[in-house]
Protein backbone atom coordinates (compact mmCIF):
# COMPACT_ATOMS: atom_id res chain seq x y z
CA MET A 1 124.21 90.24 87.72
CA THR A 2 127.19 92.42 87.99
CA PRO A 3 127.58 94.58 90.97
CA ILE A 4 126.88 97.82 88.93
CA ASN A 5 123.94 96.36 87.37
CA ALA A 6 122.39 95.51 90.69
CA PHE A 7 123.49 98.78 92.32
CA LEU A 8 121.51 100.61 89.27
CA VAL A 9 118.61 98.25 89.93
CA GLY A 10 118.45 99.23 93.47
CA ILE A 11 118.44 103.08 92.64
CA GLY A 12 115.90 102.78 90.17
CA THR A 13 113.70 100.69 92.51
CA MET A 14 114.06 103.05 95.48
CA THR A 15 113.52 106.19 93.01
CA ALA A 16 110.39 104.52 91.63
CA LEU A 17 109.38 103.71 95.28
CA ALA A 18 109.70 107.27 96.58
CA VAL A 19 108.24 108.91 93.28
CA GLY A 20 105.02 106.28 94.07
CA MET A 21 104.83 107.59 97.42
CA LEU A 22 105.02 111.06 96.58
CA TRP A 23 102.05 110.40 93.92
CA PHE A 24 99.84 108.48 96.68
CA VAL A 25 100.41 111.40 99.05
CA ARG A 26 100.17 114.48 96.64
CA ALA A 27 96.17 115.11 96.97
CA PRO A 28 96.22 115.11 100.93
CA LEU A 29 99.50 116.96 101.14
CA MET A 30 98.40 119.58 98.66
CA ALA A 31 95.13 120.20 100.82
CA LEU A 32 97.29 120.21 103.92
CA LEU A 33 99.70 122.82 102.32
CA ARG A 34 96.84 125.05 100.85
CA ASP A 35 95.29 125.30 104.35
CA LEU A 36 99.04 125.83 106.02
CA CYS A 37 100.02 128.29 103.53
CA ARG A 38 96.76 130.07 102.84
CA GLU A 39 98.12 130.78 99.01
CA GLU A 40 98.32 128.19 96.20
CA HIS A 41 101.71 129.32 95.03
CA ARG A 42 103.18 128.86 98.69
CA ALA A 43 101.58 125.35 98.69
CA GLN A 44 102.92 124.48 95.27
CA PHE A 45 106.52 125.73 96.36
CA TRP A 46 106.52 123.75 99.50
CA ALA A 47 104.99 120.69 97.66
CA LYS A 48 107.86 120.72 95.30
CA ILE A 49 110.55 121.12 97.78
CA TYR A 50 109.36 118.11 99.92
CA ALA A 51 109.20 116.13 96.34
CA VAL A 52 112.51 117.11 95.59
CA SER A 53 113.95 116.26 99.10
CA VAL A 54 112.20 112.99 99.39
CA VAL A 55 113.78 111.90 96.18
CA LEU A 56 117.37 113.36 97.04
CA LEU A 57 117.20 111.92 100.55
CA VAL A 58 116.08 108.36 99.40
CA LEU A 59 119.19 108.36 96.64
CA LEU A 60 121.60 109.74 99.34
CA ALA A 61 120.79 106.97 101.69
CA VAL A 62 120.82 104.44 98.90
CA LEU A 63 124.58 105.57 98.21
CA ILE A 64 125.47 105.24 101.71
CA GLU A 65 125.53 101.43 101.43
CA PRO A 66 126.66 100.61 97.81
CA PRO A 67 127.31 96.83 97.34
CA GLU A 68 130.61 95.55 97.29
CA ALA A 69 132.11 93.79 94.08
CA SER A 70 132.63 90.01 94.83
CA ASP A 71 135.30 88.16 93.05
CA ALA A 72 132.74 86.32 90.84
CA GLY A 73 130.94 89.58 89.53
CA ILE A 74 127.67 88.80 91.45
CA VAL A 75 126.24 91.21 94.30
CA PRO A 76 125.37 88.84 97.39
CA PHE A 77 121.88 89.25 97.92
CA VAL A 78 122.61 90.34 101.66
CA GLU A 79 124.25 93.47 100.23
CA PHE A 80 121.36 94.16 98.05
CA VAL A 81 119.13 94.04 100.86
CA ALA A 82 121.45 96.36 102.83
CA MET A 83 121.13 98.83 99.96
CA PHE A 84 117.36 98.47 99.98
CA ARG A 85 117.13 98.91 103.54
CA ALA A 86 119.20 102.33 103.50
CA GLY A 87 116.94 103.61 100.80
CA MET A 88 113.98 102.82 103.01
CA VAL A 89 115.61 104.81 105.98
CA GLY A 90 115.98 107.77 103.61
CA LEU A 91 112.36 107.46 102.53
CA LEU A 92 111.09 107.25 106.07
CA ALA A 93 113.19 110.05 107.17
CA ALA A 94 111.77 112.24 104.45
CA VAL A 95 108.38 111.48 105.36
CA GLY A 96 109.03 111.76 109.39
CA LEU A 97 110.49 115.36 108.68
CA LEU A 98 107.40 116.37 106.66
CA ALA A 99 105.09 115.08 109.44
CA PHE A 100 107.15 116.92 112.06
CA VAL A 101 107.23 120.42 110.29
CA ALA A 102 103.59 120.04 109.35
CA LEU A 103 102.85 119.23 113.13
CA GLN A 104 104.83 122.28 114.09
CA PHE A 105 103.01 124.65 111.90
CA ILE A 106 99.43 123.02 112.52
CA GLN A 107 100.03 123.52 116.42
CA ALA A 108 101.12 127.16 115.73
CA GLN A 109 98.12 127.98 113.68
CA ASP A 110 95.65 126.00 116.20
CA ALA A 111 97.25 128.22 118.93
CA GLU A 112 96.53 131.45 117.00
CA ARG A 113 93.07 130.62 116.12
CA ARG A 114 92.52 129.78 119.74
CA ARG A 115 93.93 133.11 120.59
CA GLN A 116 91.80 134.83 118.10
CA ARG A 117 88.68 133.49 119.45
CA GLY A 118 89.48 134.01 122.93
CA ALA A 119 90.33 137.87 122.15
């Protein structure tokens, strides 16, 4: 396999993994966003922004560690694993960022609800 082919396979694999993860969390994410945003069009907007961010962050992470061309034209397995690892870091960063932002909104809404009940 040539370095370019291996790189393209790596990009395709990580993009497919990111899309699969987005599909897996789609329903719970939309339910959470509907609750947080209180309006469907806002929830749809943030879901789409998140989906685009996940894919772009994964692609950016993969591009950080492209494989180096070897003399024989074959990409060593170690370099492919490094590229895959970078993509996974990007995917986990995107999920972690969503969790952090959602947690901030949930805490703010919970505090507001407690304040309204107490008033």
